[in-house]
Amino acid sequence: MMATRTQTMAAAMLALVAATGHAQQYPGREQLRAQSAEFRREVIQVARGVYVAVGYAASNVVLVQGTDGSIIVDTATDPVAARAIVDAFGPRLRRPVRAIIYTHSHPDHTGGARVFAGNDAPDIYSHEQFLKKPPDVGRAGREGGDQFGMALPASQFINAGVQAEFGRVVPPTRDGYLPPTRTFGGGELSLTVAGVRLQLLHTPGETPDTIAVWLPETRVLMPGDNAFRAFPNVAPIRGSRLRNPDAWVSSLTRVVALAPAHVVPGHTRPVLGAAAAGAMLTAYRDGLKSIVDQTLDGMRKGERPDELAAHVTLPPALAGSPFLQEFYGGVEWTVRGIYADYVGWFDGNATKLFPLPEKDRATRLVALIGGIDRVIAHGRSALAANDATWAAELADYVLVNDPAHAGARRLKAAALTELAERQVNAIARNYYLTTAQFLLKDLPPE
C-alpha cells in the first residue's frame, strides 16, 4: 500500500531527528504513554445506580438510574461516540431519559445529546452562563499548530492528556447538540428527577458556566473539568482567555467541603472512596493555589515572566501527586497566563516598550552570526548537542524573513519533533508535531 502524505512526513520528521546522530531516551514520552491507561474503554459502576463510560469519547458520560427513567450527565463529543456509549450502557440505560445535564459548554461534553435524548424529550439543564459563552477567537491555524493532533498519524499520536482524542475519529460536529431547556442563575439548583435528588452547584473554573453535579444520597460528585488526573489547563495554548484561577480555587474549596465518597471527573477514571476523593480534590485545590500565590508574590517583588517561570513550582509534597502531573495544563503556562492577565503584556523592561520589529531583529542577528548558512549550521550543531530549543530558535531567525527556506524548515521540524518526543504534556506534544508536519509540507526530498 502506498504511504499517505501524512505518514511520509512523519517518517521524514523522525529521519531528520535520527540524522543528528545522537541516541535519546524519552522518559517523559513513556510516562505519557502510561497515562493512556486512564482512557481504556470501560463502563465503571461508581455507586448504586451510578455508572460512568470512560474512553469511548474525549470526555466521560455519566448515567444515573432513577425509579422511572435515567439522567445523563454530559453527552460526549458527537453522535458516533454517543451511540457507542448507549450500546456500552446497554440495559443499564433505563428509558426514558428524564434529564440531560451539561457540566459546561465545551463541545466534547455536549455533542451527543440527540442520541441520548432519542424520542424522550428530556429537560436539558445548564447554568445560565452556558448561554453567554464568549466566541472562540484562536489563531486561525497559523503554522499548523494543533493541540489535539487531529492530523497526526497513529504512529505519532499518544492518547493521553484530557481531550487528546477530540476530533481524530469523527470531525468536530454540532449535529448531536441540543440547547439547554432549563437554566439557573446564582449558586445552586436543587431538584429531583426520576426519584433522584440532585444539587447543581455553580462552580466556575475551567469555564465560567461550569456546574458540579452532587448526588447527596450516594455522595457522588461530578465536578466536570474542574478536577481530573492532570494539572489544570488554566492558560490554554490553543488561543483563549485565561481561566480564572481564583474562582477555580474557590470552587474547589466548595466541593472539598462536601466530603464526597466518590468523584467522577469529566475526563480520566473515577476516584473511588472518600479518602482518595478528598485527597484528589484537596491536592488539586492546594496545587493550583500554590502556583497562583507564588506567582503573585513574585510579581509584587517585580519579577518578570521568565524569572517567575524559572522558579515557580509545585511544593514538594504535591509535585508527585497523580492529579497534578502536567499531561494537559502546565505550571509554566499558568505562571505566564497569570502574569499577562494581572499586569498586561509589558514586563517592566523599558527596552521592550517599543521593541525592534521581529524581522529587523532577526536580520541583525543572522548577520552577527555570519549569514544564513552559518545560522543553519549552528542550528544543526545545537540539535546534535541535544539543544533542540536553541536549534528551533535559530531556525526562526531565518524563517521570519524567508518562510520558504527549506533548510530552516527542516531544521525547525527536526527540533520540534525532538522536543515533542521529550514531552509529558499531550497538547504540547501535539502542537510541536503538527507544526513540524506543517513545516515539511510540500518540501522536496533532500
Foldseek 3Di string as FASTA:
>chain_A
DDDDLQVVLVVLLVVLLVVLPDDDDFPLLVLLLVQLVLQDFDWDDFFVQWIWTGNLALWIWIWGDFQQFIEIEFQAQAQVSNVVVCVRCPPSGHPDHAEYEYQAQDNRRFHAQCVNNPVVPHAYEFAPCRVVDDDADFDVCPLQFDLLLQPHDPVQARPHARRNCPCNPPHGDNPNGDDGPDHHDDAWDWDATNNFTWIWGQQFFLHNGGTWIARLVQLEIEREALFDQEQDAQQDPRGDAGRDLVSSLVSLVVSLVSQGQKYCYGHGHIQHGSVRVNVRSVLNSQQSVQLVVQLVVVVVVLDFLVRSLVDRDGPPVNNPPSRYHHQAHDSSSNSVNSCCVPPHDDSPDPCVPPDDDLLVVLVVVCVVQPHDVSLLVVLSVCSSVVNLVSSLVSLVSVCVVPVLPLSSLSSNLNSLCSVLSNHSHSSSNSRSNSSNSSSCPPDDDD
